[in-house]
């Protein structure tokens, strides 16, 4: 897996589809990680089932205030007991995660979104 990081100032999600999203006019294919200053591709396993909970510790080490996990078109519940920190983890559809991410970065909150 080859990780690529794009540094952007407040990377608003302009639109999203079943397999990608648009930020600053550029298309990024899922899975991606979004932070208030970065878009990272190639950092997550291709399937959500391969990511959670095995790779959640990597996101927790980034020390955001909140982690949003976009599970695709369907909301999936997964065991959140893997989190022993004070960092919140919320799982939701990818569309909901994109909308909440935009609101939180507008409020200058330290949010991280892992989107599938």
N, C-alpha and C. Protein backbone atom coordinates (compact mmCIF):
# COMPACT_ATOMS: atom_id res chain seq x y z
N UNK A 1 0.84 -1.17 0.00
CA UNK A 1 0.00 0.00 0.00
C UNK A 1 0.89 1.24 0.00
N UNK A 2 0.64 2.13 -0.93
CA UNK A 2 1.43 3.34 -1.05
C UNK A 2 0.62 4.52 -0.55
N UNK A 3 1.07 5.11 0.55
CA UNK A 3 0.34 6.23 1.15
C UNK A 3 0.73 7.54 0.48
N UNK A 4 -0.29 8.36 0.19
CA UNK A 4 -0.08 9.70 -0.35
C UNK A 4 -0.83 10.68 0.52
N UNK A 5 -0.19 11.79 0.88
CA UNK A 5 -0.81 12.81 1.72
C UNK A 5 -0.88 14.12 0.94
N UNK A 6 -2.06 14.71 0.93
CA UNK A 6 -2.28 16.00 0.30
C UNK A 6 -2.57 17.00 1.42
N UNK A 7 -1.80 18.07 1.50
CA UNK A 7 -2.00 19.08 2.53
C UNK A 7 -2.90 20.18 1.98
N UNK A 8 -4.00 20.43 2.67
CA UNK A 8 -4.99 21.41 2.25
C UNK A 8 -5.42 22.22 3.46
N UNK A 9 -5.88 23.44 3.24
CA UNK A 9 -6.42 24.25 4.32
C UNK A 9 -7.92 24.01 4.39
N UNK A 10 -8.38 23.38 5.44
CA UNK A 10 -9.79 23.02 5.64
C UNK A 10 -10.35 22.29 4.42
N UNK A 11 -10.06 21.02 4.28
CA UNK A 11 -10.51 20.26 3.11
C UNK A 11 -12.01 19.91 3.17
N UNK A 12 -12.86 20.86 2.74
CA UNK A 12 -14.30 20.63 2.72
C UNK A 12 -14.66 19.57 1.70
N UNK A 13 -15.54 18.67 2.08
CA UNK A 13 -16.06 17.69 1.14
C UNK A 13 -17.14 18.40 0.32
N UNK A 14 -16.85 18.60 -0.97
CA UNK A 14 -17.79 19.29 -1.85
C UNK A 14 -18.91 18.36 -2.29
N UNK A 15 -18.58 17.10 -2.55
CA UNK A 15 -19.57 16.10 -2.91
C UNK A 15 -18.97 14.72 -2.70
N UNK A 16 -19.84 13.71 -2.71
CA UNK A 16 -19.38 12.34 -2.54
C UNK A 16 -20.31 11.42 -3.33
N UNK A 17 -19.79 10.26 -3.66
CA UNK A 17 -20.56 9.22 -4.35
C UNK A 17 -20.30 7.90 -3.63
N UNK A 18 -20.70 6.81 -4.24
CA UNK A 18 -20.49 5.50 -3.61
C UNK A 18 -19.03 5.11 -3.49
N UNK A 19 -18.16 5.67 -4.36
CA UNK A 19 -16.76 5.23 -4.35
C UNK A 19 -15.74 6.35 -4.25
N UNK A 20 -16.18 7.61 -4.16
CA UNK A 20 -15.21 8.71 -4.11
C UNK A 20 -15.83 9.96 -3.50
N UNK A 21 -14.97 10.95 -3.29
CA UNK A 21 -15.43 12.27 -2.86
C UNK A 21 -14.63 13.33 -3.58
N UNK A 22 -15.17 14.55 -3.58
CA UNK A 22 -14.51 15.68 -4.23
C UNK A 22 -14.15 16.70 -3.16
N UNK A 23 -12.87 17.09 -3.13
CA UNK A 23 -12.37 18.12 -2.23
C UNK A 23 -11.51 19.06 -3.08
N UNK A 24 -11.78 20.36 -2.98
CA UNK A 24 -11.05 21.36 -3.77
C UNK A 24 -11.01 20.99 -5.26
N UNK A 25 -12.11 20.44 -5.76
CA UNK A 25 -12.20 20.08 -7.17
C UNK A 25 -11.45 18.83 -7.56
N UNK A 26 -10.83 18.14 -6.60
CA UNK A 26 -10.05 16.93 -6.88
C UNK A 26 -10.79 15.71 -6.34
N UNK A 27 -10.82 14.65 -7.16
CA UNK A 27 -11.50 13.43 -6.75
C UNK A 27 -10.55 12.49 -6.02
N UNK A 28 -11.02 11.97 -4.89
CA UNK A 28 -10.28 11.00 -4.09
C UNK A 28 -11.14 9.76 -3.95
N UNK A 29 -10.57 8.60 -4.23
CA UNK A 29 -11.31 7.35 -4.14
C UNK A 29 -11.17 6.74 -2.75
N UNK A 30 -12.27 6.17 -2.25
CA UNK A 30 -12.28 5.52 -0.95
C UNK A 30 -11.42 4.27 -0.99
N UNK A 31 -10.82 3.93 0.13
CA UNK A 31 -10.88 4.57 1.43
C UNK A 31 -9.89 5.74 1.54
N UNK A 32 -10.28 6.74 2.31
CA UNK A 32 -9.43 7.90 2.57
C UNK A 32 -9.52 8.28 4.04
N UNK A 33 -8.50 9.00 4.49
CA UNK A 33 -8.51 9.61 5.82
C UNK A 33 -8.51 11.11 5.62
N UNK A 34 -9.40 11.81 6.32
CA UNK A 34 -9.45 13.27 6.28
C UNK A 34 -9.13 13.82 7.65
N UNK A 35 -8.34 14.87 7.68
CA UNK A 35 -8.08 15.64 8.91
C UNK A 35 -8.32 17.10 8.54
N UNK A 36 -8.30 18.02 9.50
CA UNK A 36 -8.53 19.42 9.16
C UNK A 36 -7.49 20.03 8.21
N UNK A 37 -6.39 19.34 7.96
CA UNK A 37 -5.36 19.89 7.07
C UNK A 37 -4.88 18.91 6.00
N UNK A 38 -5.36 17.65 6.04
CA UNK A 38 -4.81 16.64 5.14
C UNK A 38 -5.87 15.71 4.59
N UNK A 39 -5.57 15.18 3.41
CA UNK A 39 -6.30 14.06 2.83
C UNK A 39 -5.24 12.98 2.60
N UNK A 40 -5.47 11.79 3.14
CA UNK A 40 -4.51 10.70 3.01
C UNK A 40 -5.15 9.54 2.25
N UNK A 41 -4.47 9.10 1.22
CA UNK A 41 -4.93 7.94 0.46
C UNK A 41 -3.89 6.83 0.62
N UNK A 42 -4.32 5.61 0.47
CA UNK A 42 -3.41 4.46 0.55
C UNK A 42 -3.00 4.10 1.97
N UNK A 43 -3.61 4.71 2.97
CA UNK A 43 -3.23 4.44 4.36
C UNK A 43 -4.14 3.41 5.03
N UNK A 44 -5.26 3.10 4.40
CA UNK A 44 -6.23 2.18 4.99
C UNK A 44 -6.35 0.92 4.14
N UNK A 45 -6.68 -0.22 4.77
CA UNK A 45 -6.98 -1.41 3.98
C UNK A 45 -8.17 -1.14 3.05
N UNK A 46 -8.26 -1.88 1.97
CA UNK A 46 -9.31 -1.64 0.98
C UNK A 46 -10.72 -1.89 1.51
N UNK A 47 -10.88 -2.82 2.45
CA UNK A 47 -12.20 -3.16 2.97
C UNK A 47 -12.32 -2.76 4.43
N UNK A 48 -13.50 -2.25 4.78
CA UNK A 48 -13.76 -1.85 6.16
C UNK A 48 -13.55 -3.00 7.13
N UNK A 49 -13.95 -4.20 6.74
CA UNK A 49 -13.81 -5.37 7.61
C UNK A 49 -12.34 -5.66 7.93
N UNK A 50 -11.44 -5.28 7.05
CA UNK A 50 -10.01 -5.47 7.29
C UNK A 50 -9.43 -4.36 8.16
N UNK A 51 -10.11 -3.23 8.21
CA UNK A 51 -9.64 -2.08 8.97
C UNK A 51 -10.03 -2.15 10.44
N UNK A 52 -11.32 -2.35 10.70
CA UNK A 52 -11.84 -2.20 12.05
C UNK A 52 -12.00 -3.55 12.73
N UNK A 53 -11.48 -3.78 13.90
CA UNK A 53 -10.81 -2.84 14.79
C UNK A 53 -9.29 -2.86 14.68
N UNK A 54 -8.73 -3.65 13.79
CA UNK A 54 -7.28 -3.87 13.74
C UNK A 54 -6.46 -2.60 13.60
N UNK A 55 -6.91 -1.64 12.83
CA UNK A 55 -6.12 -0.45 12.56
C UNK A 55 -6.57 0.79 13.32
N UNK A 56 -7.53 0.65 14.21
CA UNK A 56 -8.05 1.82 14.92
C UNK A 56 -6.96 2.47 15.78
N UNK A 57 -6.03 1.69 16.29
CA UNK A 57 -4.96 2.24 17.13
C UNK A 57 -4.13 3.27 16.36
N UNK A 58 -3.95 3.06 15.06
CA UNK A 58 -3.19 4.01 14.25
C UNK A 58 -3.90 5.37 14.21
N UNK A 59 -5.21 5.36 14.09
CA UNK A 59 -5.97 6.61 14.08
C UNK A 59 -5.96 7.26 15.46
N UNK A 60 -6.07 6.46 16.51
CA UNK A 60 -6.03 7.01 17.87
C UNK A 60 -4.70 7.69 18.16
N UNK A 61 -3.60 7.17 17.59
CA UNK A 61 -2.28 7.79 17.79
C UNK A 61 -2.19 9.18 17.17
N UNK A 62 -3.06 9.49 16.22
CA UNK A 62 -3.08 10.83 15.63
C UNK A 62 -3.70 11.84 16.59
N UNK A 63 -4.33 11.34 17.66
CA UNK A 63 -4.85 12.12 18.77
C UNK A 63 -5.87 13.20 18.38
N UNK A 64 -6.86 12.84 17.55
CA UNK A 64 -7.91 13.81 17.26
C UNK A 64 -8.89 13.91 18.42
N UNK A 65 -9.74 14.89 18.38
CA UNK A 65 -10.81 15.04 19.36
C UNK A 65 -11.89 13.97 19.13
N UNK A 66 -12.14 13.66 17.86
CA UNK A 66 -13.19 12.73 17.47
C UNK A 66 -12.78 12.00 16.20
N UNK A 67 -13.11 10.71 16.11
CA UNK A 67 -12.89 9.93 14.90
C UNK A 67 -14.25 9.55 14.33
N UNK A 68 -14.48 9.91 13.07
CA UNK A 68 -15.68 9.51 12.35
C UNK A 68 -15.30 8.37 11.42
N UNK A 69 -16.05 7.29 11.46
CA UNK A 69 -15.78 6.18 10.56
C UNK A 69 -16.98 6.05 9.63
N UNK A 70 -16.75 6.35 8.36
CA UNK A 70 -17.79 6.24 7.35
C UNK A 70 -17.82 4.82 6.81
N UNK A 71 -18.94 4.14 6.98
CA UNK A 71 -19.04 2.72 6.67
C UNK A 71 -19.63 2.43 5.29
N UNK A 72 -19.69 3.42 4.42
CA UNK A 72 -20.28 3.23 3.10
C UNK A 72 -21.74 3.65 3.10
N UNK A 73 -22.53 3.06 2.21
CA UNK A 73 -23.94 3.42 2.10
C UNK A 73 -24.77 2.91 3.26
N UNK A 74 -24.32 1.81 3.87
CA UNK A 74 -25.05 1.21 4.99
C UNK A 74 -24.35 1.51 6.30
N UNK A 75 -25.16 1.82 7.31
CA UNK A 75 -24.61 2.01 8.65
C UNK A 75 -24.30 0.64 9.23
N UNK A 76 -23.09 0.49 9.75
CA UNK A 76 -22.70 -0.77 10.37
C UNK A 76 -22.26 -0.48 11.80
N UNK A 77 -22.69 -1.31 12.69
CA UNK A 77 -22.24 -1.20 14.08
C UNK A 77 -21.10 -2.17 14.29
N UNK A 78 -20.08 -1.70 14.96
CA UNK A 78 -18.95 -2.55 15.29
C UNK A 78 -18.56 -2.30 16.73
N UNK A 79 -17.81 -3.19 17.28
CA UNK A 79 -17.40 -3.12 18.68
C UNK A 79 -16.55 -1.88 18.91
N UNK A 80 -17.02 -0.99 19.76
CA UNK A 80 -16.25 0.22 20.07
C UNK A 80 -15.44 0.06 21.35
N UNK A 81 -15.42 -1.13 21.93
CA UNK A 81 -14.64 -1.36 23.14
C UNK A 81 -13.14 -1.40 22.87
N UNK A 82 -12.74 -1.28 21.61
CA UNK A 82 -11.31 -1.25 21.28
C UNK A 82 -10.68 0.08 21.70
N UNK A 83 -11.50 1.04 22.03
CA UNK A 83 -11.03 2.38 22.37
C UNK A 83 -10.92 2.54 23.88
N UNK A 84 -9.72 2.65 24.37
CA UNK A 84 -9.49 2.84 25.81
C UNK A 84 -8.99 4.26 26.10
N UNK A 85 -9.24 5.16 25.17
CA UNK A 85 -8.81 6.55 25.34
C UNK A 85 -10.04 7.44 25.53
N UNK A 86 -9.83 8.71 25.71
CA UNK A 86 -10.93 9.66 25.80
C UNK A 86 -11.38 10.18 24.44
N UNK A 87 -10.83 9.63 23.37
CA UNK A 87 -11.18 10.07 22.02
C UNK A 87 -12.47 9.38 21.60
N UNK A 88 -13.44 10.15 21.16
CA UNK A 88 -14.71 9.59 20.71
C UNK A 88 -14.56 8.93 19.35
N UNK A 89 -15.28 7.83 19.15
CA UNK A 89 -15.34 7.15 17.85
C UNK A 89 -16.81 7.00 17.50
N UNK A 90 -17.20 7.56 16.35
CA UNK A 90 -18.58 7.44 15.88
C UNK A 90 -18.60 6.77 14.52
N UNK A 91 -19.43 5.74 14.40
CA UNK A 91 -19.58 5.03 13.13
C UNK A 91 -20.91 5.43 12.52
N UNK A 92 -20.90 5.70 11.20
CA UNK A 92 -22.09 6.16 10.50
C UNK A 92 -21.90 5.93 9.01
N UNK A 93 -22.93 6.22 8.24
CA UNK A 93 -22.77 6.11 6.79
C UNK A 93 -21.71 7.13 6.35
N UNK A 94 -21.12 6.88 5.21
CA UNK A 94 -20.08 7.79 4.72
C UNK A 94 -20.66 9.17 4.42
N UNK A 95 -21.87 9.24 3.90
CA UNK A 95 -22.50 10.54 3.65
C UNK A 95 -22.64 11.35 4.92
N UNK A 96 -23.12 10.73 5.98
CA UNK A 96 -23.26 11.42 7.27
C UNK A 96 -21.90 11.85 7.79
N UNK A 97 -20.90 10.99 7.65
CA UNK A 97 -19.55 11.34 8.12
C UNK A 97 -19.00 12.54 7.37
N UNK A 98 -19.24 12.62 6.06
CA UNK A 98 -18.78 13.77 5.27
C UNK A 98 -19.45 15.06 5.75
N UNK A 99 -20.74 15.01 5.99
CA UNK A 99 -21.47 16.21 6.44
C UNK A 99 -20.99 16.66 7.82
N UNK A 100 -20.83 15.72 8.74
CA UNK A 100 -20.37 16.07 10.09
C UNK A 100 -18.93 16.57 10.05
N UNK A 101 -18.09 15.96 9.23
CA UNK A 101 -16.71 16.41 9.08
C UNK A 101 -16.69 17.88 8.65
N UNK A 102 -17.49 18.24 7.66
CA UNK A 102 -17.52 19.63 7.19
C UNK A 102 -17.93 20.59 8.30
N UNK A 103 -18.94 20.24 9.07
CA UNK A 103 -19.38 21.10 10.17
C UNK A 103 -18.26 21.26 11.20
N UNK A 104 -17.62 20.15 11.54
CA UNK A 104 -16.59 20.21 12.58
C UNK A 104 -15.36 21.00 12.15
N UNK A 105 -14.94 20.89 10.90
CA UNK A 105 -13.77 21.69 10.52
C UNK A 105 -14.14 23.16 10.39
N UNK A 106 -15.39 23.45 10.07
CA UNK A 106 -15.83 24.85 10.06
C UNK A 106 -15.76 25.44 11.47
N UNK A 107 -15.98 24.60 12.47
CA UNK A 107 -15.89 25.02 13.87
C UNK A 107 -14.46 24.93 14.41
N UNK A 108 -13.50 24.64 13.52
CA UNK A 108 -12.08 24.49 13.89
C UNK A 108 -11.86 23.39 14.92
N UNK A 109 -12.61 22.32 14.81
CA UNK A 109 -12.46 21.18 15.70
C UNK A 109 -11.47 20.19 15.10
N UNK A 110 -10.78 19.45 15.96
CA UNK A 110 -9.77 18.48 15.53
C UNK A 110 -10.45 17.13 15.31
N UNK A 111 -10.94 16.93 14.11
CA UNK A 111 -11.68 15.72 13.76
C UNK A 111 -10.89 14.93 12.73
N UNK A 112 -11.05 13.63 12.75
CA UNK A 112 -10.45 12.75 11.78
C UNK A 112 -11.56 11.86 11.22
N UNK A 113 -11.60 11.69 9.91
CA UNK A 113 -12.60 10.82 9.29
C UNK A 113 -11.90 9.74 8.48
N UNK A 114 -12.26 8.50 8.75
CA UNK A 114 -11.81 7.36 7.94
C UNK A 114 -13.03 6.92 7.14
N UNK A 115 -12.95 7.10 5.82
CA UNK A 115 -14.13 6.92 4.98
C UNK A 115 -13.98 5.76 4.02
N UNK A 116 -15.02 4.95 3.97
CA UNK A 116 -15.09 3.80 3.06
C UNK A 116 -16.28 3.94 2.15
